[in-house]
Amino acid sequence: MGENVMLARDRAVATVTLNRPDRRNSLSDAMLTDLATAFAEL
């Protein structure tokens, strides 16, 4: 996963955080790829 998306897990709860504040977390191709990777890991 890239640096645009962070994935944290705590037992049965997963938190996916968008980490691109300089672009107001707009969805770029890289962000969408990172999101897909994060969701695939869940």
N, C-alpha and C. Protein backbone atom coordinates (compact mmCIF):
# COMPACT_ATOMS: atom_id res chain seq x y z
N MET A 1 0.85 -1.17 0.00
CA MET A 1 0.00 0.00 0.00
C MET A 1 0.90 1.23 0.00
N GLY A 2 0.46 2.27 -0.67
CA GLY A 2 1.25 3.49 -0.75
C GLY A 2 1.07 4.37 0.47
N GLU A 3 1.57 5.56 0.40
CA GLU A 3 1.47 6.47 1.53
C GLU A 3 0.18 7.28 1.52
N ASN A 4 -0.64 7.11 0.48
CA ASN A 4 -1.91 7.85 0.39
C ASN A 4 -3.00 7.28 1.28
N VAL A 5 -2.90 6.00 1.60
CA VAL A 5 -3.93 5.32 2.39
C VAL A 5 -3.25 4.54 3.50
N MET A 6 -3.80 4.68 4.71
CA MET A 6 -3.27 3.93 5.85
C MET A 6 -4.34 2.98 6.35
N LEU A 7 -3.93 1.78 6.71
CA LEU A 7 -4.84 0.76 7.21
C LEU A 7 -4.40 0.36 8.60
N ALA A 8 -5.31 0.47 9.56
CA ALA A 8 -5.04 0.06 10.94
C ALA A 8 -6.11 -0.93 11.36
N ARG A 9 -5.69 -1.95 12.08
CA ARG A 9 -6.64 -2.96 12.57
C ARG A 9 -6.53 -3.08 14.08
N ASP A 10 -7.68 -3.20 14.72
CA ASP A 10 -7.74 -3.44 16.15
C ASP A 10 -8.83 -4.48 16.38
N ARG A 11 -8.42 -5.72 16.47
CA ARG A 11 -9.31 -6.87 16.59
C ARG A 11 -10.29 -6.90 15.43
N ALA A 12 -11.57 -6.70 15.67
CA ALA A 12 -12.58 -6.82 14.62
C ALA A 12 -12.89 -5.49 13.92
N VAL A 13 -12.12 -4.45 14.23
CA VAL A 13 -12.36 -3.13 13.64
C VAL A 13 -11.15 -2.73 12.79
N ALA A 14 -11.43 -2.34 11.56
CA ALA A 14 -10.38 -1.83 10.67
C ALA A 14 -10.69 -0.37 10.35
N THR A 15 -9.65 0.45 10.35
CA THR A 15 -9.79 1.86 10.01
C THR A 15 -8.94 2.15 8.78
N VAL A 16 -9.59 2.65 7.74
CA VAL A 16 -8.88 3.05 6.52
C VAL A 16 -8.86 4.58 6.52
N THR A 17 -7.66 5.15 6.50
CA THR A 17 -7.49 6.59 6.56
C THR A 17 -6.91 7.12 5.26
N LEU A 18 -7.56 8.12 4.70
CA LEU A 18 -7.03 8.80 3.52
C LEU A 18 -6.00 9.82 4.01
N ASN A 19 -4.79 9.78 3.45
CA ASN A 19 -3.70 10.60 3.96
C ASN A 19 -3.10 11.43 2.83
N ARG A 20 -3.88 12.36 2.35
CA ARG A 20 -3.41 13.25 1.29
C ARG A 20 -3.98 14.66 1.54
N PRO A 21 -3.68 15.24 2.71
CA PRO A 21 -4.31 16.51 3.09
C PRO A 21 -3.93 17.67 2.17
N ASP A 22 -2.75 17.61 1.57
CA ASP A 22 -2.34 18.70 0.68
C ASP A 22 -3.25 18.81 -0.54
N ARG A 23 -3.91 17.71 -0.89
CA ARG A 23 -4.86 17.69 -2.01
C ARG A 23 -6.29 17.49 -1.53
N ARG A 24 -6.50 17.73 -0.23
CA ARG A 24 -7.83 17.58 0.40
C ARG A 24 -8.41 16.19 0.16
N ASN A 25 -7.52 15.20 0.15
CA ASN A 25 -7.89 13.79 -0.01
C ASN A 25 -8.68 13.51 -1.29
N SER A 26 -8.38 14.27 -2.34
CA SER A 26 -9.04 14.01 -3.62
C SER A 26 -8.60 12.64 -4.14
N LEU A 27 -9.47 11.99 -4.88
CA LEU A 27 -9.22 10.64 -5.36
C LEU A 27 -8.47 10.66 -6.69
N SER A 28 -7.19 10.36 -6.63
CA SER A 28 -6.37 10.24 -7.83
C SER A 28 -6.30 8.76 -8.20
N ASP A 29 -5.67 8.46 -9.31
CA ASP A 29 -5.48 7.06 -9.70
C ASP A 29 -4.69 6.31 -8.64
N ALA A 30 -3.65 6.95 -8.10
CA ALA A 30 -2.84 6.31 -7.06
C ALA A 30 -3.66 6.05 -5.80
N MET A 31 -4.50 7.02 -5.43
CA MET A 31 -5.34 6.86 -4.24
C MET A 31 -6.32 5.71 -4.43
N LEU A 32 -6.94 5.61 -5.59
CA LEU A 32 -7.89 4.53 -5.85
C LEU A 32 -7.20 3.17 -5.83
N THR A 33 -5.99 3.11 -6.37
CA THR A 33 -5.22 1.86 -6.33
C THR A 33 -4.90 1.47 -4.90
N ASP A 34 -4.49 2.45 -4.09
CA ASP A 34 -4.18 2.19 -2.68
C ASP A 34 -5.42 1.76 -1.91
N LEU A 35 -6.56 2.37 -2.20
CA LEU A 35 -7.81 1.98 -1.54
C LEU A 35 -8.19 0.54 -1.90
N ALA A 36 -8.06 0.20 -3.16
CA ALA A 36 -8.38 -1.17 -3.59
C ALA A 36 -7.47 -2.17 -2.89
N THR A 37 -6.20 -1.83 -2.75
CA THR A 37 -5.26 -2.70 -2.05
C THR A 37 -5.64 -2.85 -0.58
N ALA A 38 -6.01 -1.75 0.06
CA ALA A 38 -6.40 -1.78 1.47
C ALA A 38 -7.63 -2.66 1.67
N PHE A 39 -8.63 -2.50 0.81
CA PHE A 39 -9.85 -3.29 0.95
C PHE A 39 -9.59 -4.76 0.64
N ALA A 40 -8.68 -5.05 -0.26
CA ALA A 40 -8.35 -6.44 -0.57
C ALA A 40 -7.66 -7.13 0.61
N GLU A 41 -6.95 -6.36 1.43
CA GLU A 41 -6.27 -6.91 2.60
C GLU A 41 -7.24 -7.24 3.74
N LEU A 42 -8.44 -6.68 3.69
CA LEU A 42 -9.40 -6.91 4.78
C LEU A 42 -10.08 -8.22 4.64
